[in-house]
Each structure stands twice: as structure tokens, then as C-alpha cells.
Amino acid sequence: MHTSLNKTVAATITFALAGLISLLFFAAVSVYLLPHSIFYAVLVLNTFFSIRFFSRLIAPSPRQTAVDAILVVLYIILAYSLGNAFAFPLVATCLFLVATAKYVIELDSNPHVSVLKRKISLDLLGAALCAATLGGVLAGNPLASAWILAAVFAAANVYLLFIRPMYRL
């Protein structure tokens, strides 16, 4: 349990610092920066609960380590794409798709199949939301798309973290 807490804290601090450093020094100053920052902050909050919960349910393995490494890279790329109307939802979509794969590879060996399936469904919904945002950008509505992304994701996380908690057995 101590190791899962260390992993949770380390990941949360790493992702929060990546976002903060990006905001202070690298992020594109644009009208998209605020909604992207809201989305990213909510994502980091959700990730804290997710890692804390699933690090106790998923045994470390070379496959999981590889997927986690890809997720870390995507998180950092996402932080550094804050404010970029096209890159941010593209990277966010990729992040949710890789997160989905993380749980799919556990389905055949983990006894908590129902929890994994729920997480897979939610990650696929996150990927769909981000992909729809990317579609909105490509359709010529980048600002509205960015705000819809932030608002829907924040509302969903209030519901899934506090009203009907998703990180429980």
C-alpha cells in the first residue's frame, strides 16, 4: 500500500508540475489556454484518484510499465500543448485511448473485471469527448469546443468522483 501511495503522489506531482511549468514558460498564450488549463487540472485530480485506486488492483508487469511510460509521456506532451487549439485535443484523445488499453490488457488476468470494464467505458467516453473537441476545432469552432470540453469533463468528474464515485469496488 505504501508503494501505491508513493506512485500516486509522484505521478500527481509530476503531472501538476508539468502543467505549471508549461503555463509559466511554454504554453501558447491564447483564448484556449483557460479551458485547456481547467481540463488539465481536472484530469490531474482524476488521475490522483485513479492511480491510488488501480495501483492496488493491478499488479506491476512489463506491459503495465510500458503503458504507464507512454501515459507519462502523453501527459507531459499534453501539458506542453496547453493553449494549442489543435494539438491539445489530439494529445488528450491519444491519452485516453492509451489509458483504455492499460485496462483492456488486464481483463483476462484481473479478478476485478466489472471495475475494469467501467473504467474502460469511461476512458472511451473521455476519448470520444476529446475526439469530438478535435472535430469541433476542425469544423471551425475551436473556442466553443475547448469550453465544452472543459465544462463537460469538469461536470463528469464532479459526478464520477463525488456523487457516484467510480473508484470503488
N, C-alpha and C. Protein backbone atom coordinates (compact mmCIF):
# COMPACT_ATOMS: atom_id res chain seq x y z
N MET A 1 0.83 -1.19 0.00
CA MET A 1 0.00 0.00 0.00
C MET A 1 0.88 1.25 0.00
N HIS A 2 1.97 1.19 0.70
CA HIS A 2 2.88 2.33 0.75
C HIS A 2 3.41 2.66 -0.64
N THR A 3 3.72 1.63 -1.42
CA THR A 3 4.23 1.84 -2.77
C THR A 3 3.17 2.50 -3.65
N SER A 4 1.90 2.09 -3.52
CA SER A 4 0.85 2.69 -4.34
C SER A 4 0.66 4.17 -3.98
N LEU A 5 0.79 4.51 -2.71
CA LEU A 5 0.68 5.91 -2.31
C LEU A 5 1.85 6.72 -2.88
N ASN A 6 3.05 6.15 -2.82
CA ASN A 6 4.21 6.84 -3.39
C ASN A 6 4.04 7.06 -4.89
N LYS A 7 3.56 6.05 -5.58
CA LYS A 7 3.32 6.15 -7.02
C LYS A 7 2.27 7.22 -7.31
N THR A 8 1.22 7.24 -6.53
CA THR A 8 0.14 8.21 -6.70
C THR A 8 0.64 9.63 -6.52
N VAL A 9 1.36 9.86 -5.43
CA VAL A 9 1.87 11.20 -5.13
C VAL A 9 2.90 11.63 -6.17
N ALA A 10 3.80 10.73 -6.53
CA ALA A 10 4.83 11.07 -7.52
C ALA A 10 4.21 11.44 -8.86
N ALA A 11 3.25 10.66 -9.31
CA ALA A 11 2.60 10.94 -10.60
C ALA A 11 1.83 12.26 -10.55
N THR A 12 1.08 12.46 -9.48
CA THR A 12 0.30 13.69 -9.36
C THR A 12 1.19 14.92 -9.34
N ILE A 13 2.26 14.86 -8.57
CA ILE A 13 3.18 15.99 -8.51
C ILE A 13 3.86 16.22 -9.86
N THR A 14 4.27 15.14 -10.50
CA THR A 14 4.92 15.25 -11.82
C THR A 14 3.99 15.91 -12.82
N PHE A 15 2.73 15.46 -12.90
CA PHE A 15 1.80 16.00 -13.88
C PHE A 15 1.40 17.44 -13.53
N ALA A 16 1.23 17.71 -12.25
CA ALA A 16 0.89 19.08 -11.84
C ALA A 16 2.05 20.03 -12.16
N LEU A 17 3.27 19.59 -11.88
CA LEU A 17 4.43 20.44 -12.18
C LEU A 17 4.60 20.64 -13.68
N ALA A 18 4.36 19.60 -14.46
CA ALA A 18 4.44 19.75 -15.92
C ALA A 18 3.45 20.80 -16.40
N GLY A 19 2.24 20.75 -15.87
CA GLY A 19 1.24 21.75 -16.24
C GLY A 19 1.63 23.15 -15.80
N LEU A 20 2.12 23.26 -14.58
CA LEU A 20 2.52 24.57 -14.06
C LEU A 20 3.70 25.14 -14.84
N ILE A 21 4.70 24.33 -15.10
CA ILE A 21 5.87 24.79 -15.86
C ILE A 21 5.45 25.20 -17.26
N SER A 22 4.57 24.42 -17.86
CA SER A 22 4.08 24.77 -19.19
C SER A 22 3.34 26.10 -19.15
N LEU A 23 2.44 26.26 -18.17
CA LEU A 23 1.70 27.52 -18.06
C LEU A 23 2.62 28.73 -17.89
N LEU A 24 3.65 28.56 -17.09
CA LEU A 24 4.53 29.69 -16.79
C LEU A 24 5.52 30.01 -17.91
N PHE A 25 5.94 28.98 -18.65
CA PHE A 25 7.05 29.21 -19.57
C PHE A 25 6.82 28.81 -21.03
N PHE A 26 5.91 27.89 -21.29
CA PHE A 26 5.84 27.33 -22.64
C PHE A 26 4.48 27.41 -23.32
N ALA A 27 3.40 27.45 -22.58
CA ALA A 27 2.06 27.37 -23.16
C ALA A 27 1.81 28.53 -24.11
N ALA A 28 1.12 28.21 -25.19
CA ALA A 28 0.71 29.25 -26.14
C ALA A 28 -0.30 30.15 -25.44
N VAL A 29 0.00 31.43 -25.42
CA VAL A 29 -0.95 32.38 -24.83
C VAL A 29 -2.06 32.58 -25.86
N SER A 30 -3.20 32.03 -25.54
CA SER A 30 -4.32 32.07 -26.47
C SER A 30 -5.63 32.03 -25.70
N VAL A 31 -6.70 32.19 -26.42
CA VAL A 31 -8.02 32.12 -25.79
C VAL A 31 -8.37 30.71 -25.34
N TYR A 32 -7.60 29.73 -25.78
CA TYR A 32 -7.85 28.33 -25.41
C TYR A 32 -7.15 27.94 -24.12
N LEU A 33 -6.26 28.78 -23.66
CA LEU A 33 -5.43 28.42 -22.51
C LEU A 33 -6.26 28.16 -21.25
N LEU A 34 -7.23 28.99 -20.96
CA LEU A 34 -8.04 28.80 -19.75
C LEU A 34 -8.86 27.51 -19.80
N PRO A 35 -9.63 27.25 -20.86
CA PRO A 35 -10.38 25.98 -20.84
C PRO A 35 -9.47 24.76 -20.87
N HIS A 36 -8.35 24.85 -21.57
CA HIS A 36 -7.40 23.73 -21.56
C HIS A 36 -6.82 23.53 -20.16
N SER A 37 -6.51 24.62 -19.48
CA SER A 37 -5.96 24.52 -18.12
C SER A 37 -6.96 23.92 -17.15
N ILE A 38 -8.23 24.29 -17.30
CA ILE A 38 -9.28 23.70 -16.45
C ILE A 38 -9.36 22.20 -16.70
N PHE A 39 -9.40 21.81 -17.96
CA PHE A 39 -9.45 20.39 -18.30
C PHE A 39 -8.24 19.66 -17.71
N TYR A 40 -7.05 20.22 -17.91
CA TYR A 40 -5.83 19.57 -17.44
C TYR A 40 -5.83 19.44 -15.92
N ALA A 41 -6.24 20.48 -15.21
CA ALA A 41 -6.27 20.42 -13.74
C ALA A 41 -7.25 19.35 -13.26
N VAL A 42 -8.41 19.26 -13.88
CA VAL A 42 -9.39 18.24 -13.51
C VAL A 42 -8.84 16.85 -13.84
N LEU A 43 -8.15 16.74 -14.97
CA LEU A 43 -7.55 15.46 -15.35
C LEU A 43 -6.51 15.01 -14.31
N VAL A 44 -5.69 15.93 -13.85
CA VAL A 44 -4.69 15.59 -12.83
C VAL A 44 -5.38 15.16 -11.54
N LEU A 45 -6.43 15.87 -11.15
CA LEU A 45 -7.19 15.49 -9.95
C LEU A 45 -7.75 14.07 -10.11
N ASN A 46 -8.37 13.80 -11.25
CA ASN A 46 -8.92 12.47 -11.51
C ASN A 46 -7.83 11.42 -11.49
N THR A 47 -6.69 11.75 -12.06
CA THR A 47 -5.57 10.80 -12.11
C THR A 47 -5.08 10.43 -10.73
N PHE A 48 -5.09 11.38 -9.80
CA PHE A 48 -4.72 11.06 -8.43
C PHE A 48 -5.58 9.92 -7.90
N PHE A 49 -6.89 10.07 -8.03
CA PHE A 49 -7.81 9.04 -7.52
C PHE A 49 -7.67 7.73 -8.30
N SER A 50 -7.48 7.84 -9.60
CA SER A 50 -7.35 6.66 -10.45
C SER A 50 -6.11 5.85 -10.10
N ILE A 51 -4.98 6.50 -10.01
CA ILE A 51 -3.74 5.77 -9.68
C ILE A 51 -3.82 5.19 -8.28
N ARG A 52 -4.34 5.98 -7.34
CA ARG A 52 -4.45 5.49 -5.97
C ARG A 52 -5.31 4.23 -5.91
N PHE A 53 -6.39 4.20 -6.67
CA PHE A 53 -7.30 3.06 -6.67
C PHE A 53 -6.72 1.87 -7.43
N PHE A 54 -6.32 2.09 -8.67
CA PHE A 54 -5.93 0.98 -9.53
C PHE A 54 -4.53 0.44 -9.23
N SER A 55 -3.67 1.21 -8.60
CA SER A 55 -2.34 0.68 -8.27
C SER A 55 -2.44 -0.44 -7.24
N ARG A 56 -3.55 -0.52 -6.55
CA ARG A 56 -3.77 -1.61 -5.60
C ARG A 56 -4.43 -2.82 -6.26
N LEU A 57 -5.02 -2.62 -7.44
CA LEU A 57 -5.74 -3.70 -8.11
C LEU A 57 -4.96 -4.33 -9.26
N ILE A 58 -4.01 -3.60 -9.79
CA ILE A 58 -3.27 -4.07 -10.96
C ILE A 58 -1.83 -4.35 -10.57
N ALA A 59 -1.44 -5.60 -10.76
CA ALA A 59 -0.08 -6.00 -10.41
C ALA A 59 0.92 -5.41 -11.42
N PRO A 60 2.06 -4.97 -10.93
CA PRO A 60 3.08 -4.47 -11.85
C PRO A 60 3.52 -5.58 -12.82
N SER A 61 3.73 -5.19 -14.06
CA SER A 61 4.19 -6.13 -15.08
C SER A 61 4.93 -5.32 -16.15
N PRO A 62 5.72 -5.97 -16.97
CA PRO A 62 6.39 -5.23 -18.05
C PRO A 62 5.40 -4.51 -18.98
N ARG A 63 4.26 -5.14 -19.26
CA ARG A 63 3.26 -4.49 -20.11
C ARG A 63 2.71 -3.23 -19.46
N GLN A 64 2.39 -3.34 -18.18
CA GLN A 64 1.85 -2.17 -17.47
C GLN A 64 2.89 -1.07 -17.35
N THR A 65 4.13 -1.45 -17.12
CA THR A 65 5.20 -0.45 -17.04
C THR A 65 5.35 0.28 -18.37
N ALA A 66 5.27 -0.46 -19.47
CA ALA A 66 5.39 0.16 -20.79
C ALA A 66 4.22 1.12 -21.05
N VAL A 67 3.01 0.68 -20.72
CA VAL A 67 1.84 1.54 -20.93
C VAL A 67 1.94 2.77 -20.03
N ASP A 68 2.34 2.57 -18.79
CA ASP A 68 2.50 3.71 -17.88
C ASP A 68 3.53 4.71 -18.40
N ALA A 69 4.61 4.22 -18.97
CA ALA A 69 5.63 5.12 -19.53
C ALA A 69 5.05 5.94 -20.69
N ILE A 70 4.26 5.29 -21.53
CA ILE A 70 3.61 6.02 -22.64
C ILE A 70 2.65 7.07 -22.08
N LEU A 71 1.90 6.71 -21.06
CA LEU A 71 0.97 7.66 -20.45
C LEU A 71 1.70 8.86 -19.86
N VAL A 72 2.82 8.63 -19.21
CA VAL A 72 3.60 9.74 -18.64
C VAL A 72 4.05 10.68 -19.76
N VAL A 73 4.56 10.11 -20.84
CA VAL A 73 5.00 10.94 -21.98
C VAL A 73 3.81 11.73 -22.54
N LEU A 74 2.67 11.08 -22.70
CA LEU A 74 1.50 11.77 -23.22
C LEU A 74 1.03 12.88 -22.29
N TYR A 75 1.07 12.64 -20.99
CA TYR A 75 0.70 13.67 -20.02
C TYR A 75 1.60 14.89 -20.17
N ILE A 76 2.89 14.67 -20.31
CA ILE A 76 3.83 15.79 -20.43
C ILE A 76 3.61 16.52 -21.76
N ILE A 77 3.39 15.77 -22.83
CA ILE A 77 3.09 16.40 -24.12
C ILE A 77 1.79 17.20 -24.00
N LEU A 78 0.79 16.64 -23.32
CA LEU A 78 -0.48 17.35 -23.13
C LEU A 78 -0.24 18.66 -22.38
N ALA A 79 0.56 18.61 -21.34
CA ALA A 79 0.86 19.84 -20.58
C ALA A 79 1.49 20.89 -21.49
N TYR A 80 2.38 20.45 -22.34
CA TYR A 80 3.08 21.40 -23.21
C TYR A 80 2.27 21.78 -24.45
N SER A 81 1.09 21.21 -24.61
CA SER A 81 0.21 21.63 -25.71
C SER A 81 -0.92 22.53 -25.21
N LEU A 82 -0.88 22.89 -23.93
CA LEU A 82 -1.88 23.81 -23.39
C LEU A 82 -1.92 25.07 -24.26
N GLY A 83 -3.12 25.47 -24.63
CA GLY A 83 -3.29 26.68 -25.41
C GLY A 83 -3.25 26.47 -26.91
N ASN A 84 -2.90 25.28 -27.36
CA ASN A 84 -2.86 24.98 -28.78
C ASN A 84 -4.18 24.30 -29.16
N ALA A 85 -4.98 24.99 -29.95
CA ALA A 85 -6.35 24.54 -30.25
C ALA A 85 -6.40 23.14 -30.85
N PHE A 86 -5.45 22.80 -31.72
CA PHE A 86 -5.46 21.50 -32.40
C PHE A 86 -4.72 20.43 -31.61
N ALA A 87 -3.52 20.74 -31.16
CA ALA A 87 -2.67 19.73 -30.51
C ALA A 87 -3.27 19.24 -29.20
N PHE A 88 -3.86 20.13 -28.42
CA PHE A 88 -4.35 19.73 -27.09
C PHE A 88 -5.41 18.63 -27.18
N PRO A 89 -6.50 18.80 -27.96
CA PRO A 89 -7.47 17.70 -28.00
C PRO A 89 -6.94 16.45 -28.70
N LEU A 90 -6.00 16.62 -29.63
CA LEU A 90 -5.40 15.46 -30.29
C LEU A 90 -4.63 14.62 -29.28
N VAL A 91 -3.78 15.26 -28.49
CA VAL A 91 -2.99 14.53 -27.49
C VAL A 91 -3.91 13.97 -26.41
N ALA A 92 -4.91 14.73 -26.00
CA ALA A 92 -5.85 14.23 -24.98
C ALA A 92 -6.58 12.98 -25.48
N THR A 93 -6.96 12.96 -26.74
CA THR A 93 -7.60 11.77 -27.32
C THR A 93 -6.66 10.58 -27.24
N CYS A 94 -5.41 10.79 -27.64
CA CYS A 94 -4.42 9.71 -27.57
C CYS A 94 -4.22 9.23 -26.14
N LEU A 95 -4.19 10.15 -25.19
CA LEU A 95 -4.00 9.79 -23.79
C LEU A 95 -5.13 8.88 -23.31
N PHE A 96 -6.36 9.23 -23.64
CA PHE A 96 -7.50 8.41 -23.21
C PHE A 96 -7.51 7.05 -23.91
N LEU A 97 -7.08 7.00 -25.16
CA LEU A 97 -7.02 5.71 -25.86
C LEU A 97 -5.95 4.80 -25.26
N VAL A 98 -4.80 5.35 -24.92
CA VAL A 98 -3.75 4.55 -24.28
C VAL A 98 -4.21 4.12 -22.88
N ALA A 99 -4.88 5.02 -22.17
CA ALA A 99 -5.41 4.65 -20.84
C ALA A 99 -6.41 3.50 -20.97
N THR A 100 -7.21 3.53 -22.02
CA THR A 100 -8.15 2.42 -22.26
C THR A 100 -7.39 1.12 -22.44
N ALA A 101 -6.32 1.16 -23.23
CA ALA A 101 -5.52 -0.05 -23.46
C ALA A 101 -4.93 -0.58 -22.16
N LYS A 102 -4.55 0.32 -21.26
CA LYS A 102 -3.98 -0.09 -19.97
C LYS A 102 -4.92 -1.05 -19.24
N TYR A 103 -6.21 -0.77 -19.30
CA TYR A 103 -7.17 -1.60 -18.57
C TYR A 103 -7.65 -2.79 -19.40
N VAL A 104 -7.68 -2.65 -20.70
CA VAL A 104 -8.07 -3.76 -21.57
C VAL A 104 -7.11 -4.93 -21.40
N ILE A 105 -5.81 -4.65 -21.30
CA ILE A 105 -4.83 -5.74 -21.18
C ILE A 105 -4.92 -6.47 -19.85
N GLU A 106 -5.67 -5.93 -18.92
CA GLU A 106 -5.87 -6.58 -17.62
C GLU A 106 -7.10 -7.47 -17.58
N LEU A 107 -7.97 -7.38 -18.56
CA LEU A 107 -9.25 -8.08 -18.49
C LEU A 107 -9.13 -9.59 -18.35
N ASP A 108 -8.12 -10.18 -18.97
CA ASP A 108 -8.02 -11.64 -18.93
C ASP A 108 -7.33 -12.18 -17.68
N SER A 109 -6.73 -11.29 -16.88
CA SER A 109 -5.96 -11.79 -15.74
C SER A 109 -6.33 -11.15 -14.40
N ASN A 110 -7.24 -10.21 -14.41
CA ASN A 110 -7.57 -9.49 -13.18
C ASN A 110 -8.97 -9.89 -12.71
N PRO A 111 -9.13 -10.17 -11.42
CA PRO A 111 -10.44 -10.60 -10.92
C PRO A 111 -11.48 -9.47 -10.86
N HIS A 112 -11.07 -8.24 -11.03
CA HIS A 112 -11.98 -7.09 -10.90
C HIS A 112 -12.49 -6.63 -12.27
N VAL A 113 -13.03 -7.57 -13.02
CA VAL A 113 -13.43 -7.32 -14.41
C VAL A 113 -14.50 -6.23 -14.50
N SER A 114 -15.47 -6.22 -13.61
CA SER A 114 -16.54 -5.23 -13.71
C SER A 114 -15.99 -3.81 -13.50
N VAL A 115 -15.07 -3.66 -12.56
CA VAL A 115 -14.46 -2.35 -12.33
C VAL A 115 -13.63 -1.94 -13.54
N LEU A 116 -12.89 -2.88 -14.09
CA LEU A 116 -12.07 -2.59 -15.28
C LEU A 116 -12.96 -2.20 -16.46
N LYS A 117 -14.06 -2.90 -16.65
CA LYS A 117 -14.96 -2.58 -17.76
C LYS A 117 -15.57 -1.19 -17.59
N ARG A 118 -15.89 -0.84 -16.37
CA ARG A 118 -16.43 0.51 -16.13
C ARG A 118 -15.37 1.56 -16.45
N LYS A 119 -14.14 1.33 -16.02
CA LYS A 119 -13.05 2.28 -16.30
C LYS A 119 -12.79 2.36 -17.80
N ILE A 120 -12.82 1.23 -18.48
CA ILE A 120 -12.63 1.21 -19.94
C ILE A 120 -13.73 2.05 -20.61
N SER A 121 -14.97 1.86 -20.19
CA SER A 121 -16.09 2.62 -20.76
C SER A 121 -15.90 4.12 -20.53
N LEU A 122 -15.50 4.49 -19.33
CA LEU A 122 -15.31 5.90 -19.03
C LEU A 122 -14.13 6.49 -19.81
N ASP A 123 -13.05 5.73 -19.95
CA ASP A 123 -11.92 6.23 -20.73
C ASP A 123 -12.29 6.36 -22.20
N LEU A 124 -13.10 5.43 -22.72
CA LEU A 124 -13.56 5.56 -24.10
C LEU A 124 -14.47 6.78 -24.28
N LEU A 125 -15.28 7.07 -23.28
CA LEU A 125 -16.09 8.29 -23.32
C LEU A 125 -15.20 9.54 -23.30
N GLY A 126 -14.14 9.50 -22.49
CA GLY A 126 -13.18 10.60 -22.48
C GLY A 126 -12.52 10.77 -23.83
N ALA A 127 -12.14 9.66 -24.46
CA ALA A 127 -11.54 9.73 -25.80
C ALA A 127 -12.54 10.30 -26.80
N ALA A 128 -13.79 9.88 -26.71
CA ALA A 128 -14.82 10.39 -27.63
C ALA A 128 -15.04 11.89 -27.42
N LEU A 129 -15.06 12.33 -26.17
CA LEU A 129 -15.22 13.76 -25.89
C LEU A 129 -14.06 14.56 -26.48
N CYS A 130 -12.85 14.07 -26.30
CA CYS A 130 -11.67 14.77 -26.83
C CYS A 130 -11.66 14.73 -28.36
N ALA A 131 -12.06 13.60 -28.94
CA ALA A 131 -12.13 13.49 -30.40
C ALA A 131 -13.21 14.43 -30.95
N ALA A 132 -14.33 14.54 -30.25
CA ALA A 132 -15.38 15.47 -30.68
C ALA A 132 -14.88 16.91 -30.60
N THR A 133 -14.08 17.19 -29.59
CA THR A 133 -13.48 18.52 -29.47
C THR A 133 -12.56 18.79 -30.66
N LEU A 134 -11.78 17.80 -31.01
CA LEU A 134 -10.91 17.92 -32.17
C LEU A 134 -11.74 18.14 -33.43
N GLY A 135 -12.84 17.43 -33.54
CA GLY A 135 -13.75 17.64 -34.66
C GLY A 135 -14.30 19.05 -34.69
N GLY A 136 -14.63 19.58 -33.52
CA GLY A 136 -15.11 20.96 -33.44
C GLY A 136 -14.05 21.96 -33.87
N VAL A 137 -12.81 21.68 -33.51
CA VAL A 137 -11.70 22.53 -33.94
C VAL A 137 -11.60 22.51 -35.46
N LEU A 138 -11.62 21.31 -36.03
CA LEU A 138 -11.50 21.17 -37.49
C LEU A 138 -12.70 21.76 -38.22
N ALA A 139 -13.86 21.79 -37.56
CA ALA A 139 -15.06 22.36 -38.16
C ALA A 139 -15.10 23.88 -38.04
N GLY A 140 -14.12 24.46 -37.37
CA GLY A 140 -14.06 25.91 -37.28
C GLY A 140 -14.60 26.51 -36.00
N ASN A 141 -14.81 25.69 -34.98
CA ASN A 141 -15.32 26.18 -33.70
C ASN A 141 -14.38 25.83 -32.55
N PRO A 142 -13.12 26.25 -32.63
CA PRO A 142 -12.14 25.83 -31.61
C PRO A 142 -12.41 26.36 -30.21
N LEU A 143 -12.85 27.60 -30.09
CA LEU A 143 -13.06 28.15 -28.75
C LEU A 143 -14.27 27.51 -28.07
N ALA A 144 -15.38 27.42 -28.79
CA ALA A 144 -16.55 26.76 -28.20
C ALA A 144 -16.23 25.32 -27.86
N SER A 145 -15.49 24.64 -28.73
CA SER A 145 -15.12 23.25 -28.47
C SER A 145 -14.27 23.12 -27.22
N ALA A 146 -13.32 24.03 -27.04
CA ALA A 146 -12.45 23.98 -25.85
C ALA A 146 -13.26 24.18 -24.58
N TRP A 147 -14.20 25.12 -24.60
CA TRP A 147 -15.01 25.35 -23.41
C TRP A 147 -15.98 24.20 -23.14
N ILE A 148 -16.54 23.62 -24.19
CA ILE A 148 -17.42 22.46 -24.00
C ILE A 148 -16.62 21.30 -23.40
N LEU A 149 -15.41 21.08 -23.91
CA LEU A 149 -14.53 20.04 -23.36
C LEU A 149 -14.31 20.25 -21.87
N ALA A 150 -13.92 21.47 -21.49
CA ALA A 150 -13.64 21.76 -20.08
C ALA A 150 -14.89 21.60 -19.22
N ALA A 151 -16.01 22.12 -19.69
CA ALA A 151 -17.25 22.08 -18.89
C ALA A 151 -17.78 20.66 -18.73
N VAL A 152 -17.84 19.92 -19.82
CA VAL A 152 -18.37 18.56 -19.76
C VAL A 152 -17.46 17.67 -18.91
N PHE A 153 -16.14 17.81 -19.11
CA PHE A 153 -15.20 16.98 -18.35
C PHE A 153 -15.25 17.32 -16.86
N ALA A 154 -15.33 18.60 -16.54
CA ALA A 154 -15.41 19.00 -15.12
C ALA A 154 -16.70 18.48 -14.49
N ALA A 155 -17.80 18.64 -15.19
CA ALA A 155 -19.09 18.16 -14.66
C ALA A 155 -19.08 16.65 -14.49
N ALA A 156 -18.55 15.95 -15.47
CA ALA A 156 -18.48 14.48 -15.37
C ALA A 156 -17.62 14.06 -14.19
N ASN A 157 -16.55 14.77 -13.94
CA ASN A 157 -15.68 14.40 -12.84
C ASN A 157 -16.28 14.73 -11.48
N VAL A 158 -17.05 15.79 -11.38
CA VAL A 158 -17.77 16.05 -10.13
C VAL A 158 -18.70 14.88 -9.86
N TYR A 159 -19.41 14.45 -10.88
CA TYR A 159 -20.33 13.33 -10.73
C TYR A 159 -19.58 12.04 -10.39
N LEU A 160 -18.50 11.74 -11.14
CA LEU A 160 -17.82 10.45 -11.01
C LEU A 160 -16.83 10.38 -9.84
N LEU A 161 -16.47 11.51 -9.30
CA LEU A 161 -15.57 11.48 -8.14
C LEU A 161 -16.32 11.68 -6.82
N PHE A 162 -17.41 12.47 -6.86
CA PHE A 162 -18.04 12.86 -5.59
C PHE A 162 -19.50 12.43 -5.44
N ILE A 163 -20.24 12.36 -6.52
CA ILE A 163 -21.65 12.00 -6.42
C ILE A 163 -21.83 10.48 -6.54
N ARG A 164 -21.28 9.92 -7.60
CA ARG A 164 -21.32 8.47 -7.80
C ARG A 164 -19.88 8.00 -8.04
N PRO A 165 -19.13 7.85 -6.97
CA PRO A 165 -17.69 7.57 -7.11
C PRO A 165 -17.38 6.35 -7.97
N MET A 166 -16.50 6.56 -8.94
CA MET A 166 -16.13 5.47 -9.84
C MET A 166 -14.98 4.65 -9.30
N TYR A 167 -14.24 5.18 -8.37
CA TYR A 167 -13.06 4.46 -7.86
C TYR A 167 -13.38 3.75 -6.55
N ARG A 168 -14.22 2.73 -6.69
CA ARG A 168 -14.58 1.88 -5.56
C ARG A 168 -14.94 0.51 -6.10
N LEU A 169 -14.82 -0.47 -5.26
CA LEU A 169 -15.17 -1.84 -5.67
C LEU A 169 -16.66 -2.07 -5.53
